[in-house]
Amino acid sequence: MPYSSLEQIVEQNRDGYYRSLRASQKQIRGEGKNLDDWLRFFLTSLKKQKDVLLGKIEREQLLEKLAPLAEKMLAIAKERGRVTIADAVTLLGTNRNTVKLHLRQLVQQGYLEQHGVGKGTWYSVGR
């Protein structure tokens, strides 16, 4: 099962987090105890987390449809955090042009992200 982090969602939206927290703290000390801002932020964050997790699950299910070589390349990228064409050629013992073709397809399908161009190009797992 893919992992999804609520902490990451909160970190990405920290301005909204602190704004809603401060608003709720001011109101909780007064007569009108209103946690609407905080609850709205929290529930919105939970929905974002659910959406991220759903996307990860859908990508995992699509993995079954990838070519075996593409699956191996994606596994290398996940394991190492990144992969280059030279890495894949060496680790898989496959033709360079075949590796390039599969990497290009993985990028187009959203499984990998390309960083750089030319000899310095490397690939990481897509988001």
C-alpha atoms as a PDB file:
ATOM      1  CA  MET A   1       0.000   0.000   0.000  1.00  0.00           C
ATOM      2  CA  PRO A   2       1.456   3.402  -0.941  1.00  0.00           C
ATOM      3  CA  TYR A   3       2.231   5.823   1.861  1.00  0.00           C
ATOM      4  CA  SER A   4       0.750   9.291   2.183  1.00  0.00           C
ATOM      5  CA  SER A   5       1.945  11.881   4.683  1.00  0.00           C
ATOM      6  CA  LEU A   6      -0.411  14.353   6.313  1.00  0.00           C
ATOM      7  CA  GLU A   7       2.633  16.156   7.702  1.00  0.00           C
ATOM      8  CA  GLN A   8       3.834  16.803   4.155  1.00  0.00           C
ATOM      9  CA  ILE A   9       0.461  18.303   3.201  1.00  0.00           C
ATOM     10  CA  VAL A  10       0.527  20.582   6.270  1.00  0.00           C
ATOM     11  CA  GLU A  11       4.131  21.604   5.530  1.00  0.00           C
ATOM     12  CA  GLN A  12       3.205  22.505   1.951  1.00  0.00           C
ATOM     13  CA  ASN A  13       0.389  24.695   3.301  1.00  0.00           C
ATOM     14  CA  ARG A  14       2.080  25.994   6.452  1.00  0.00           C
ATOM     15  CA  ASP A  15       0.902  29.591   5.955  1.00  0.00           C
ATOM     16  CA  GLY A  16      -2.722  28.451   5.962  1.00  0.00           C
ATOM     17  CA  TYR A  17      -2.004  26.169   8.907  1.00  0.00           C
ATOM     18  CA  TYR A  18      -0.626  28.970  11.085  1.00  0.00           C
ATOM     19  CA  ARG A  19      -3.316  31.406   9.976  1.00  0.00           C
ATOM     20  CA  SER A  20      -6.115  29.000  10.924  1.00  0.00           C
ATOM     21  CA  LEU A  21      -4.378  27.988  14.151  1.00  0.00           C
ATOM     22  CA  ARG A  22      -3.938  31.611  15.284  1.00  0.00           C
ATOM     23  CA  ALA A  23      -7.537  32.465  14.404  1.00  0.00           C
ATOM     24  CA  SER A  24      -8.833  29.491  16.368  1.00  0.00           C
ATOM     25  CA  GLN A  25      -6.577  30.200  19.355  1.00  0.00           C
ATOM     26  CA  LYS A  26      -7.829  33.787  19.579  1.00  0.00           C
ATOM     27  CA  GLN A  27     -11.433  32.655  19.476  1.00  0.00           C
ATOM     28  CA  ILE A  28     -11.049  29.761  21.918  1.00  0.00           C
ATOM     29  CA  ARG A  29      -9.964  32.144  24.702  1.00  0.00           C
ATOM     30  CA  GLY A  30     -13.001  34.333  24.205  1.00  0.00           C
ATOM     31  CA  GLU A  31     -16.703  33.803  24.599  1.00  0.00           C
ATOM     32  CA  GLY A  32     -17.391  32.650  21.049  1.00  0.00           C
ATOM     33  CA  LYS A  33     -15.441  29.414  20.781  1.00  0.00           C
ATOM     34  CA  ASN A  34     -15.268  28.998  17.033  1.00  0.00           C
ATOM     35  CA  LEU A  35     -12.942  26.409  15.502  1.00  0.00           C
ATOM     36  CA  ASP A  36     -14.311  26.746  11.978  1.00  0.00           C
ATOM     37  CA  ASP A  37     -11.017  27.993  10.483  1.00  0.00           C
ATOM     38  CA  TRP A  38      -8.998  25.174  12.021  1.00  0.00           C
ATOM     39  CA  LEU A  39     -11.559  22.485  11.140  1.00  0.00           C
ATOM     40  CA  ARG A  40     -11.790  23.762   7.563  1.00  0.00           C
ATOM     41  CA  PHE A  41      -7.989  23.645   7.210  1.00  0.00           C
ATOM     42  CA  PHE A  42      -7.765  20.177   8.774  1.00  0.00           C
ATOM     43  CA  LEU A  43     -10.543  18.685   6.650  1.00  0.00           C
ATOM     44  CA  THR A  44      -9.137  20.265   3.482  1.00  0.00           C
ATOM     45  CA  SER A  45      -5.730  18.772   4.322  1.00  0.00           C
ATOM     46  CA  LEU A  46      -7.279  15.345   4.847  1.00  0.00           C
ATOM     47  CA  LYS A  47      -8.995  15.585   1.465  1.00  0.00           C
ATOM     48  CA  LYS A  48      -5.688  16.534  -0.205  1.00  0.00           C
ATOM     49  CA  GLN A  49      -4.012  13.580   1.497  1.00  0.00           C
ATOM     50  CA  LYS A  50      -6.758  11.261   0.250  1.00  0.00           C
ATOM     51  CA  ASP A  51      -6.373  12.618  -3.286  1.00  0.00           C
ATOM     52  CA  VAL A  52      -2.588  12.126  -3.221  1.00  0.00           C
ATOM     53  CA  LEU A  53      -2.984   8.581  -1.910  1.00  0.00           C
ATOM     54  CA  LEU A  54      -5.628   7.779  -4.514  1.00  0.00           C
ATOM     55  CA  GLY A  55      -3.266   8.958  -7.262  1.00  0.00           C
ATOM     56  CA  LYS A  56      -0.488   6.762  -5.873  1.00  0.00           C
ATOM     57  CA  ILE A  57      -2.783   3.746  -5.737  1.00  0.00           C
ATOM     58  CA  GLU A  58      -3.915   4.317  -9.322  1.00  0.00           C
ATOM     59  CA  ARG A  59      -0.272   4.545 -10.479  1.00  0.00           C
ATOM     60  CA  GLU A  60       0.577   1.345  -8.612  1.00  0.00           C
ATOM     61  CA  GLN A  61      -2.302  -0.445 -10.328  1.00  0.00           C
ATOM     62  CA  LEU A  62      -1.102   0.776 -13.718  1.00  0.00           C
ATOM     63  CA  LEU A  63       2.348  -0.669 -13.049  1.00  0.00           C
ATOM     64  CA  GLU A  64       0.995  -4.068 -13.979  1.00  0.00           C
ATOM     65  CA  LYS A  65       0.596  -2.798 -17.538  1.00  0.00           C
ATOM     66  CA  LEU A  66       4.226  -1.666 -17.951  1.00  0.00           C
ATOM     67  CA  ALA A  67       6.774  -3.633 -19.930  1.00  0.00           C
ATOM     68  CA  PRO A  68       9.063  -5.730 -17.696  1.00  0.00           C
ATOM     69  CA  LEU A  69      12.087  -3.595 -18.599  1.00  0.00           C
ATOM     70  CA  ALA A  70      10.207  -0.393 -17.761  1.00  0.00           C
ATOM     71  CA  GLU A  71       9.179  -1.891 -14.397  1.00  0.00           C
ATOM     72  CA  LYS A  72      12.831  -2.680 -13.640  1.00  0.00           C
ATOM     73  CA  MET A  73      13.897   0.867 -14.518  1.00  0.00           C
ATOM     74  CA  LEU A  74      11.177   2.308 -12.304  1.00  0.00           C
ATOM     75  CA  ALA A  75      12.251   0.001  -9.465  1.00  0.00           C
ATOM     76  CA  ILE A  76      15.853   1.223  -9.843  1.00  0.00           C
ATOM     77  CA  ALA A  77      14.691   4.850  -9.704  1.00  0.00           C
ATOM     78  CA  LYS A  78      12.640   4.150  -6.570  1.00  0.00           C
ATOM     79  CA  GLU A  79      15.451   2.257  -4.880  1.00  0.00           C
ATOM     80  CA  ARG A  80      18.220   4.740  -5.672  1.00  0.00           C
ATOM     81  CA  GLY A  81      16.153   7.920  -5.738  1.00  0.00           C
ATOM     82  CA  ARG A  82      17.344   8.607  -9.272  1.00  0.00           C
ATOM     83  CA  VAL A  83      18.544   6.819 -12.389  1.00  0.00           C
ATOM     84  CA  THR A  84      20.573   7.815 -15.435  1.00  0.00           C
ATOM     85  CA  ILE A  85      20.697   6.200 -18.850  1.00  0.00           C
ATOM     86  CA  ALA A  86      24.189   4.900 -18.098  1.00  0.00           C
ATOM     87  CA  ASP A  87      22.981   3.401 -14.791  1.00  0.00           C
ATOM     88  CA  ALA A  88      20.127   1.581 -16.493  1.00  0.00           C
ATOM     89  CA  VAL A  89      22.337   0.289 -19.322  1.00  0.00           C
ATOM     90  CA  THR A  90      24.883  -1.031 -16.821  1.00  0.00           C
ATOM     91  CA  LEU A  91      22.442  -2.493 -14.306  1.00  0.00           C
ATOM     92  CA  LEU A  92      20.087  -4.048 -16.840  1.00  0.00           C
ATOM     93  CA  GLY A  93      22.603  -5.012 -19.521  1.00  0.00           C
ATOM     94  CA  THR A  94      20.334  -3.521 -22.151  1.00  0.00           C
ATOM     95  CA  ASN A  95      20.939  -1.519 -25.327  1.00  0.00           C
ATOM     96  CA  ARG A  96      21.232   2.238 -24.744  1.00  0.00           C
ATOM     97  CA  ASN A  97      18.561   3.098 -27.318  1.00  0.00           C
ATOM     98  CA  THR A  98      16.128   0.651 -25.725  1.00  0.00           C
ATOM     99  CA  VAL A  99      16.750   2.242 -22.315  1.00  0.00           C
ATOM    100  CA  LYS A 100      16.202   5.734 -23.750  1.00  0.00           C
ATOM    101  CA  LEU A 101      12.926   4.640 -25.349  1.00  0.00           C
ATOM    102  CA  HIS A 102      11.577   3.165 -22.106  1.00  0.00           C
ATOM    103  CA  LEU A 103      12.691   6.169 -20.035  1.00  0.00           C
ATOM    104  CA  ARG A 104      11.009   8.529 -22.487  1.00  0.00           C
ATOM    105  CA  GLN A 105       7.778   6.514 -22.211  1.00  0.00           C
ATOM    106  CA  LEU A 106       7.971   6.469 -18.406  1.00  0.00           C
ATOM    107  CA  VAL A 107       8.344  10.257 -18.412  1.00  0.00           C
ATOM    108  CA  GLN A 108       5.402  10.695 -20.809  1.00  0.00           C
ATOM    109  CA  GLN A 109       3.232   8.439 -18.618  1.00  0.00           C
ATOM    110  CA  GLY A 110       4.158  10.403 -15.488  1.00  0.00           C
ATOM    111  CA  TYR A 111       6.058   7.631 -13.706  1.00  0.00           C
ATOM    112  CA  LEU A 112       9.387   9.462 -13.925  1.00  0.00           C
ATOM    113  CA  GLU A 113      10.441  13.106 -14.063  1.00  0.00           C
ATOM    114  CA  GLN A 114      13.344  14.158 -16.261  1.00  0.00           C
ATOM    115  CA  HIS A 115      15.970  16.474 -14.787  1.00  0.00           C
ATOM    116  CA  GLY A 116      18.418  18.201 -17.103  1.00  0.00           C
ATOM    117  CA  VAL A 117      19.342  17.517 -20.712  1.00  0.00           C
ATOM    118  CA  GLY A 118      22.211  15.831 -22.484  1.00  0.00           C
ATOM    119  CA  LYS A 119      24.847  13.888 -20.592  1.00  0.00           C
ATOM    120  CA  GLY A 120      23.772  15.260 -17.217  1.00  0.00           C
ATOM    121  CA  THR A 121      20.194  14.008 -17.534  1.00  0.00           C
ATOM    122  CA  TRP A 122      18.801  11.957 -14.681  1.00  0.00           C
ATOM    123  CA  TYR A 123      15.347  10.715 -13.770  1.00  0.00           C
ATOM    124  CA  SER A 124      13.427  10.575 -10.490  1.00  0.00           C
ATOM    125  CA  VAL A 125      10.115   9.014  -9.556  1.00  0.00           C
ATOM    126  CA  GLY A 126       7.200  11.185 -10.739  1.00  0.00           C
ATOM    127  CA  ARG A 127       4.693  12.782  -8.384  1.00  0.00           C
END
